[in-house]
Protein backbone atom coordinates (compact mmCIF):
# COMPACT_ATOMS: atom_id res chain seq x y z
CA MET A 1 -77.40 -32.40 49.01
CA GLU A 2 -78.75 -32.38 45.45
CA GLY A 3 -76.68 -29.25 44.72
CA ILE A 4 -73.46 -31.05 45.68
CA TRP A 5 -74.25 -33.93 43.28
CA MET A 6 -74.97 -31.45 40.49
CA LYS A 7 -71.65 -29.70 41.11
CA CYS A 8 -69.81 -33.05 41.14
CA ALA A 9 -71.52 -34.13 37.92
CA PHE A 10 -70.62 -30.81 36.29
CA VAL A 11 -66.97 -31.09 37.39
CA LEU A 12 -66.76 -34.67 36.08
CA LEU A 13 -68.34 -33.66 32.75
CA LEU A 14 -65.95 -30.73 32.41
CA ALA A 15 -62.95 -32.94 33.23
CA SER A 16 -63.99 -35.55 30.65
CA LEU A 17 -64.45 -32.87 27.98
CA CYS A 18 -60.98 -31.48 28.71
CA ALA A 19 -59.45 -34.95 28.52
CA THR A 20 -61.24 -35.69 25.24
CA SER A 21 -60.12 -32.43 23.65
CA ALA A 22 -56.54 -32.98 24.85
CA ARG A 23 -56.48 -36.43 23.24
CA ALA A 24 -57.98 -35.04 20.04
CA THR A 25 -55.13 -32.55 19.71
CA ASP A 26 -52.43 -35.22 20.11
CA GLN A 27 -52.64 -35.73 16.34
CA PRO A 28 -53.01 -33.04 13.68
CA LYS A 29 -56.40 -32.54 12.05
CA SER A 30 -55.01 -33.55 8.66
CA LYS A 31 -51.74 -34.56 7.10
CA ILE A 32 -49.61 -33.35 4.22
CA THR A 33 -50.34 -34.98 0.87
CA ASN A 34 -47.73 -36.63 -1.33
CA ASP A 35 -47.93 -33.74 -3.81
CA GLU A 36 -47.49 -31.13 -1.06
CA ALA A 37 -44.51 -33.07 0.29
CA ARG A 38 -42.94 -33.25 -3.19
CA THR A 39 -43.36 -29.47 -3.54
CA LEU A 40 -41.69 -28.94 -0.15
CA VAL A 41 -38.77 -31.16 -1.19
CA MET A 42 -38.28 -29.24 -4.43
CA ALA A 43 -38.40 -25.95 -2.48
CA SER A 44 -35.65 -27.26 -0.19
CA LEU A 45 -33.19 -27.50 -3.10
CA THR A 46 -30.63 -24.82 -3.88
CA ASN A 47 -31.08 -22.53 -6.89
CA GLN A 48 -28.31 -24.43 -8.68
CA GLN A 49 -29.97 -27.80 -8.03
CA ARG A 50 -33.38 -26.55 -9.23
CA ARG A 51 -31.83 -25.59 -12.60
CA LEU A 52 -30.55 -29.14 -13.32
CA PRO A 53 -31.99 -30.69 -16.51
CA SER A 54 -34.88 -33.14 -16.13
CA LEU A 55 -35.08 -32.62 -12.37
CA GLY A 56 -37.74 -34.68 -10.59
CA ALA A 57 -38.69 -36.28 -7.28
CA GLU A 58 -39.88 -39.87 -6.99
CA SER A 59 -41.55 -41.06 -3.81
CA TYR A 60 -40.69 -44.28 -2.03
CA ASP A 61 -41.91 -46.00 1.12
CA ASP A 62 -40.02 -46.72 4.31
CA PRO A 63 -42.19 -48.97 6.47
CA ASP A 64 -39.97 -48.24 9.48
CA SER A 65 -40.92 -44.54 9.38
CA PRO A 66 -44.65 -44.22 8.59
CA ARG A 67 -44.71 -40.63 9.86
CA PHE A 68 -42.59 -39.52 6.88
CA LEU A 69 -42.97 -39.33 3.11
CA PHE A 70 -39.70 -40.15 1.32
CA PHE A 71 -38.36 -38.87 -2.01
CA THR A 72 -35.32 -39.38 -4.20
CA VAL A 73 -34.53 -36.30 -6.29
CA THR A 74 -32.80 -37.07 -9.59
CA TRP A 75 -31.73 -35.24 -12.71
CA GLU A 76 -30.52 -36.12 -16.23
CA GLY A 77 -26.94 -36.58 -15.03
CA LEU A 78 -23.57 -36.47 -16.73
CA PRO A 79 -21.70 -39.36 -18.32
CA ASN A 80 -19.97 -41.29 -15.52
CA GLY A 81 -21.73 -39.11 -12.91
CA SER A 82 -24.49 -39.57 -10.38
CA VAL A 83 -28.04 -38.71 -11.30
CA VAL A 84 -29.12 -38.53 -7.65
CA VAL A 85 -29.37 -35.05 -6.16
CA GLY A 86 -30.47 -36.34 -2.75
CA ASN A 87 -32.88 -38.33 -0.63
CA TYR A 88 -35.39 -36.48 1.51
CA ALA A 89 -38.02 -37.18 4.18
CA VAL A 90 -41.03 -34.94 4.83
CA ASP A 91 -42.87 -35.08 8.14
CA ARG A 92 -46.54 -35.70 7.26
CA ASN A 93 -47.66 -33.76 10.35
CA THR A 94 -45.51 -30.62 10.18
CA GLY A 95 -44.02 -30.26 6.68
CA ASP A 96 -40.47 -30.29 8.01
CA VAL A 97 -38.01 -31.57 5.38
CA PHE A 98 -35.04 -33.71 6.41
CA SER A 99 -32.16 -35.39 4.66
CA ALA A 100 -32.99 -39.10 4.47
CA THR A 101 -29.28 -39.95 4.48
CA MET A 102 -27.64 -37.48 6.90
CA SER A 103 -28.55 -38.10 10.53
CA CYS A 104 -30.95 -35.46 11.91
CA TYR A 105 -30.18 -32.87 9.18
CA GLU A 106 -33.16 -30.57 8.57
CA GLU A 107 -33.33 -28.72 5.26
CA LYS A 108 -33.88 -24.96 5.61
CA ASN A 109 -34.04 -21.95 3.32
CA LYS A 110 -36.27 -18.90 2.85
CA ARG A 111 -38.30 -20.40 -0.01
CA LEU A 112 -38.99 -23.57 1.97
CA LYS A 113 -39.88 -21.62 5.10
CA ARG A 114 -42.52 -19.56 3.21
CA LEU A 115 -44.04 -22.68 1.67
CA GLN A 116 -44.08 -24.53 5.01
CA ALA A 117 -45.96 -21.59 6.56
CA GLN A 118 -48.61 -21.86 3.82
CA VAL A 119 -48.96 -25.61 4.23
CA ARG A 120 -49.21 -25.39 8.02
CA SER A 121 -51.85 -22.68 7.68
CA GLN A 122 -53.90 -24.94 5.38
CA LEU A 123 -53.57 -27.71 7.99
CA HIS A 124 -54.76 -25.23 10.68
CA LEU A 125 -51.60 -26.11 12.60
CA THR A 126 -50.98 -23.53 15.32
CA ARG A 127 -47.49 -22.63 16.48
CA SER A 128 -48.00 -24.48 19.77
CA GLU A 129 -49.31 -27.60 17.96
CA TYR A 130 -46.34 -27.45 15.59
CA LEU A 131 -43.87 -27.27 18.48
CA ARG A 132 -45.59 -30.21 20.19
CA LEU A 133 -45.43 -32.32 16.99
CA LYS A 134 -41.91 -31.29 15.95
CA THR A 135 -39.41 -34.14 15.62
CA ASN A 136 -35.72 -34.40 14.77
CA GLY A 137 -36.26 -36.45 11.63
CA PRO A 138 -36.53 -40.08 10.62
CA LEU A 139 -32.90 -40.96 11.33
CA CYS A 140 -33.19 -39.57 14.86
CA GLU A 141 -36.30 -41.54 15.78
CA ARG A 142 -34.60 -44.91 15.66
């Protein structure tokens, strides 16, 4: 009889450990910093955009999308022209870069892909964790 109770206690302990570890992996171990996100945004730009004079990225908050870090990329501009290159959102959990103005548009290029792989490695984000956390962007969540 005592052996049955020991087996039941072991099974319950094992089940609770599995449930605890599953909950712990629902969120990434760490998140992307503002500086890392800015670097990812700059890597998402085209070669032509990166050569614009006085190019920079300023962060801004969107309280409706706390999962994302937002940036406006600007340059020196031309007389009577726009100084805004674009608005971008970076997923704090995965490093994915999205347009903050075009619904569900994810930025992609080789340079960005290499940098995202480095960032995800530093976050110890496995491929399966990445796929579980992947989203379609801030304009798709609403």
